[in-house]
N, C-alpha and C. Protein backbone atom coordinates (compact mmCIF):
# COMPACT_ATOMS: atom_id res chain seq x y z
N MET A 1 3.91 37.38 32.78
CA MET A 1 4.05 36.74 31.50
C MET A 1 4.83 37.67 30.58
N GLU A 2 5.66 37.06 29.77
CA GLU A 2 6.47 37.85 28.84
C GLU A 2 5.58 38.53 27.81
N ALA A 3 6.01 39.65 27.30
CA ALA A 3 5.23 40.41 26.34
C ALA A 3 5.16 39.71 24.98
N TRP A 4 6.14 38.94 24.64
CA TRP A 4 6.20 38.26 23.34
C TRP A 4 5.53 36.89 23.36
N LEU A 5 5.27 36.35 24.57
CA LEU A 5 4.76 34.98 24.66
C LEU A 5 3.33 34.86 24.14
N LEU A 6 2.44 35.75 24.52
CA LEU A 6 1.05 35.68 24.07
C LEU A 6 0.93 35.88 22.55
N PRO A 7 1.55 36.89 21.97
CA PRO A 7 1.45 37.02 20.51
C PRO A 7 2.07 35.83 19.77
N SER A 8 3.16 35.29 20.28
CA SER A 8 3.78 34.12 19.64
C SER A 8 2.87 32.90 19.74
N ALA A 9 2.23 32.73 20.87
CA ALA A 9 1.31 31.61 21.05
C ALA A 9 0.11 31.75 20.11
N ILE A 10 -0.35 32.97 19.92
CA ILE A 10 -1.48 33.20 19.01
C ILE A 10 -1.07 32.88 17.57
N VAL A 11 0.13 33.30 17.16
CA VAL A 11 0.61 33.03 15.80
C VAL A 11 0.76 31.53 15.59
N VAL A 12 1.36 30.85 16.55
CA VAL A 12 1.54 29.40 16.43
C VAL A 12 0.18 28.69 16.41
N GLY A 13 -0.72 29.11 17.28
CA GLY A 13 -2.05 28.51 17.33
C GLY A 13 -2.82 28.72 16.04
N MET A 14 -2.76 29.90 15.48
CA MET A 14 -3.47 30.16 14.23
C MET A 14 -2.83 29.40 13.07
N PHE A 15 -1.50 29.22 13.12
CA PHE A 15 -0.82 28.42 12.09
C PHE A 15 -1.31 26.97 12.15
N ILE A 16 -1.43 26.44 13.36
CA ILE A 16 -1.92 25.07 13.53
C ILE A 16 -3.37 24.96 13.04
N VAL A 17 -4.19 25.95 13.38
CA VAL A 17 -5.58 25.95 12.92
C VAL A 17 -5.64 26.06 11.40
N ARG A 18 -4.81 26.92 10.84
CA ARG A 18 -4.81 27.15 9.40
C ARG A 18 -4.43 25.88 8.63
N LEU A 19 -3.53 25.06 9.17
CA LEU A 19 -3.13 23.83 8.51
C LEU A 19 -3.93 22.62 9.00
N GLY A 20 -4.24 22.59 10.28
CA GLY A 20 -4.87 21.42 10.87
C GLY A 20 -6.32 21.20 10.46
N VAL A 21 -7.10 22.26 10.40
CA VAL A 21 -8.52 22.12 10.06
C VAL A 21 -8.70 21.63 8.61
N PRO A 22 -8.08 22.25 7.62
CA PRO A 22 -8.24 21.72 6.26
C PRO A 22 -7.71 20.28 6.12
N LEU A 23 -6.61 19.98 6.81
CA LEU A 23 -6.07 18.63 6.76
C LEU A 23 -7.04 17.63 7.38
N ALA A 24 -7.62 17.96 8.51
CA ALA A 24 -8.59 17.07 9.16
C ALA A 24 -9.82 16.87 8.28
N ILE A 25 -10.29 17.94 7.65
CA ILE A 25 -11.46 17.83 6.77
C ILE A 25 -11.13 16.95 5.56
N THR A 26 -9.95 17.14 4.98
CA THR A 26 -9.54 16.33 3.83
C THR A 26 -9.43 14.86 4.21
N LEU A 27 -8.82 14.55 5.33
CA LEU A 27 -8.70 13.17 5.78
C LEU A 27 -10.06 12.54 6.07
N ALA A 28 -10.97 13.31 6.65
CA ALA A 28 -12.31 12.79 6.93
C ALA A 28 -13.06 12.49 5.63
N ILE A 29 -12.96 13.39 4.66
CA ILE A 29 -13.63 13.16 3.37
C ILE A 29 -13.04 11.93 2.69
N ALA A 30 -11.71 11.79 2.70
CA ALA A 30 -11.07 10.62 2.09
C ALA A 30 -11.51 9.33 2.77
N TYR A 31 -11.61 9.34 4.09
CA TYR A 31 -12.03 8.16 4.83
C TYR A 31 -13.45 7.75 4.44
N PHE A 32 -14.36 8.69 4.40
CA PHE A 32 -15.75 8.37 4.07
C PHE A 32 -15.90 7.97 2.60
N LEU A 33 -15.13 8.59 1.70
CA LEU A 33 -15.19 8.18 0.29
C LEU A 33 -14.66 6.77 0.09
N ARG A 34 -13.63 6.38 0.82
CA ARG A 34 -13.14 5.00 0.73
C ARG A 34 -14.19 4.01 1.22
N ARG A 35 -14.86 4.35 2.31
CA ARG A 35 -15.92 3.47 2.81
C ARG A 35 -17.06 3.38 1.81
N LEU A 36 -17.43 4.50 1.20
CA LEU A 36 -18.49 4.50 0.21
C LEU A 36 -18.09 3.68 -1.02
N ASP A 37 -16.84 3.81 -1.44
CA ASP A 37 -16.35 3.03 -2.59
C ASP A 37 -16.39 1.54 -2.28
N ALA A 38 -15.96 1.14 -1.09
CA ALA A 38 -16.00 -0.27 -0.71
C ALA A 38 -17.43 -0.79 -0.69
N LYS A 39 -18.35 0.05 -0.21
CA LYS A 39 -19.76 -0.34 -0.18
C LYS A 39 -20.29 -0.52 -1.60
N TRP A 40 -19.97 0.41 -2.48
CA TRP A 40 -20.44 0.32 -3.87
C TRP A 40 -19.84 -0.89 -4.58
N LYS A 41 -18.56 -1.18 -4.32
CA LYS A 41 -17.95 -2.36 -4.93
C LYS A 41 -18.63 -3.64 -4.46
N ALA A 42 -18.91 -3.72 -3.16
CA ALA A 42 -19.57 -4.90 -2.62
C ALA A 42 -20.96 -5.06 -3.20
N GLU A 43 -21.68 -3.95 -3.36
CA GLU A 43 -23.02 -4.02 -3.96
C GLU A 43 -22.95 -4.46 -5.42
N ALA A 44 -21.98 -3.95 -6.16
CA ALA A 44 -21.84 -4.32 -7.57
C ALA A 44 -21.46 -5.79 -7.71
N GLN A 45 -20.57 -6.26 -6.86
CA GLN A 45 -20.18 -7.67 -6.91
C GLN A 45 -21.35 -8.57 -6.53
N ALA A 46 -22.14 -8.15 -5.55
CA ALA A 46 -23.30 -8.95 -5.16
C ALA A 46 -24.34 -8.97 -6.28
N LYS A 47 -24.50 -7.83 -6.94
CA LYS A 47 -25.47 -7.76 -8.03
C LYS A 47 -25.06 -8.64 -9.20
N LEU A 48 -23.74 -8.69 -9.49
CA LEU A 48 -23.25 -9.50 -10.60
C LEU A 48 -22.97 -10.94 -10.20
N GLY A 49 -23.04 -11.25 -8.93
CA GLY A 49 -22.78 -12.60 -8.46
C GLY A 49 -21.31 -12.96 -8.45
N ILE A 50 -20.46 -11.96 -8.27
CA ILE A 50 -19.02 -12.19 -8.26
C ILE A 50 -18.59 -12.38 -6.81
N THR A 51 -17.80 -13.43 -6.58
CA THR A 51 -17.23 -13.62 -5.25
C THR A 51 -15.74 -13.32 -5.33
N PRO A 52 -15.18 -12.74 -4.28
CA PRO A 52 -13.75 -12.43 -4.31
C PRO A 52 -12.92 -13.71 -4.43
N ALA A 53 -11.87 -13.65 -5.22
CA ALA A 53 -11.00 -14.81 -5.41
C ALA A 53 -10.18 -15.04 -4.15
N PRO A 54 -9.97 -16.30 -3.78
CA PRO A 54 -9.15 -16.57 -2.60
C PRO A 54 -7.69 -16.25 -2.88
N ALA A 55 -6.97 -15.88 -1.84
CA ALA A 55 -5.55 -15.59 -1.99
C ALA A 55 -4.80 -16.89 -2.26
N VAL A 56 -3.84 -16.83 -3.15
CA VAL A 56 -3.06 -18.00 -3.52
C VAL A 56 -1.68 -17.87 -2.88
N MET A 57 -1.30 -18.88 -2.13
CA MET A 57 0.01 -18.89 -1.50
C MET A 57 0.94 -19.77 -2.33
N LEU A 58 2.05 -19.21 -2.77
CA LEU A 58 3.03 -19.96 -3.55
C LEU A 58 4.14 -20.44 -2.64
N ASP A 59 4.52 -21.69 -2.76
CA ASP A 59 5.60 -22.24 -1.99
C ASP A 59 6.83 -22.31 -2.88
N LEU A 60 7.71 -21.32 -2.75
CA LEU A 60 8.90 -21.27 -3.58
C LEU A 60 10.11 -21.90 -2.92
N ASP A 61 9.95 -22.39 -1.69
CA ASP A 61 11.08 -22.97 -0.99
C ASP A 61 11.65 -24.18 -1.71
N ASP A 62 10.80 -24.99 -2.36
CA ASP A 62 11.28 -26.18 -3.05
C ASP A 62 12.21 -25.82 -4.20
N GLU A 63 11.95 -24.72 -4.89
CA GLU A 63 12.78 -24.33 -6.01
C GLU A 63 14.13 -23.80 -5.57
N TYR A 64 14.21 -23.26 -4.39
CA TYR A 64 15.45 -22.68 -3.92
C TYR A 64 16.29 -23.65 -3.10
N ASP A 65 15.78 -24.86 -2.81
CA ASP A 65 16.53 -25.83 -2.02
C ASP A 65 17.77 -26.31 -2.76
N GLU A 66 17.73 -26.33 -4.08
CA GLU A 66 18.86 -26.87 -4.84
C GLU A 66 20.01 -25.88 -4.97
N TRP A 67 19.86 -24.67 -4.48
CA TRP A 67 20.93 -23.69 -4.57
C TRP A 67 22.05 -24.08 -3.62
N GLU A 68 23.25 -23.89 -4.05
CA GLU A 68 24.42 -24.15 -3.22
C GLU A 68 24.92 -22.81 -2.69
N GLU A 69 25.28 -22.81 -1.43
CA GLU A 69 25.71 -21.56 -0.81
C GLU A 69 27.05 -21.06 -1.38
N ASP A 70 27.94 -21.98 -1.75
CA ASP A 70 29.25 -21.54 -2.20
C ASP A 70 29.31 -21.25 -3.70
N GLU A 71 28.23 -21.48 -4.44
CA GLU A 71 28.19 -21.15 -5.86
C GLU A 71 27.96 -19.66 -6.04
N PRO A 72 28.55 -19.08 -7.07
CA PRO A 72 28.22 -17.68 -7.35
C PRO A 72 26.76 -17.57 -7.81
N ILE A 73 26.18 -16.44 -7.62
CA ILE A 73 24.75 -16.25 -7.90
C ILE A 73 24.45 -16.50 -9.38
N GLU A 74 25.38 -16.21 -10.29
CA GLU A 74 25.13 -16.41 -11.71
C GLU A 74 25.00 -17.88 -12.06
N ALA A 75 25.66 -18.77 -11.32
CA ALA A 75 25.64 -20.19 -11.62
C ALA A 75 24.41 -20.89 -11.03
N GLN A 76 23.70 -20.23 -10.15
CA GLN A 76 22.55 -20.86 -9.50
C GLN A 76 21.34 -20.81 -10.42
N PRO A 77 20.49 -21.83 -10.38
CA PRO A 77 19.31 -21.84 -11.25
C PRO A 77 18.30 -20.78 -10.83
N ARG A 78 17.63 -20.21 -11.82
CA ARG A 78 16.59 -19.21 -11.55
C ARG A 78 15.24 -19.82 -11.90
N PRO A 79 14.24 -19.66 -11.04
CA PRO A 79 12.92 -20.17 -11.38
C PRO A 79 12.32 -19.33 -12.51
N VAL A 80 11.68 -19.98 -13.46
CA VAL A 80 11.08 -19.31 -14.60
C VAL A 80 9.57 -19.53 -14.52
N MET A 81 8.81 -18.45 -14.61
CA MET A 81 7.37 -18.54 -14.46
C MET A 81 6.69 -18.98 -15.76
N ASN A 82 7.14 -18.49 -16.90
CA ASN A 82 6.55 -18.88 -18.18
C ASN A 82 7.57 -18.64 -19.29
N GLN A 83 7.21 -19.01 -20.50
CA GLN A 83 8.15 -18.93 -21.62
C GLN A 83 8.48 -17.48 -21.98
N GLU A 84 7.49 -16.56 -21.88
CA GLU A 84 7.76 -15.15 -22.21
C GLU A 84 8.77 -14.57 -21.24
N ALA A 85 8.67 -14.94 -19.97
CA ALA A 85 9.62 -14.43 -18.99
C ALA A 85 11.02 -14.98 -19.28
N ALA A 86 11.09 -16.22 -19.74
CA ALA A 86 12.40 -16.80 -20.07
C ALA A 86 13.03 -16.08 -21.25
N LYS A 87 12.21 -15.70 -22.24
CA LYS A 87 12.73 -15.00 -23.42
C LYS A 87 13.21 -13.61 -23.06
N VAL A 88 12.49 -12.94 -22.15
CA VAL A 88 12.87 -11.58 -21.75
C VAL A 88 14.18 -11.62 -20.99
N ARG A 89 14.37 -12.60 -20.12
CA ARG A 89 15.58 -12.69 -19.33
C ARG A 89 16.80 -13.02 -20.18
N SER A 90 16.62 -13.74 -21.27
CA SER A 90 17.77 -14.18 -22.08
C SER A 90 18.32 -13.05 -22.90
């Protein structure tokens, strides 16, 4: 075995240990804290009688059907969500 191989392997191994162990501990703590937070949120929602809102799917295809491919983008109609958004865009 080369004379430099063992000391180099020890340095590389200790570098990995020096970075890997704290990183693994931090990731484990973050994982368990996220699980604890989710548990606490579920308990609070159950206590207050709150149910999660269902996801809303918006169908925007109908609004974009009237666009013409050969029109420049500025001439094509833009969907407006509410009056405040229309004022901001103008």
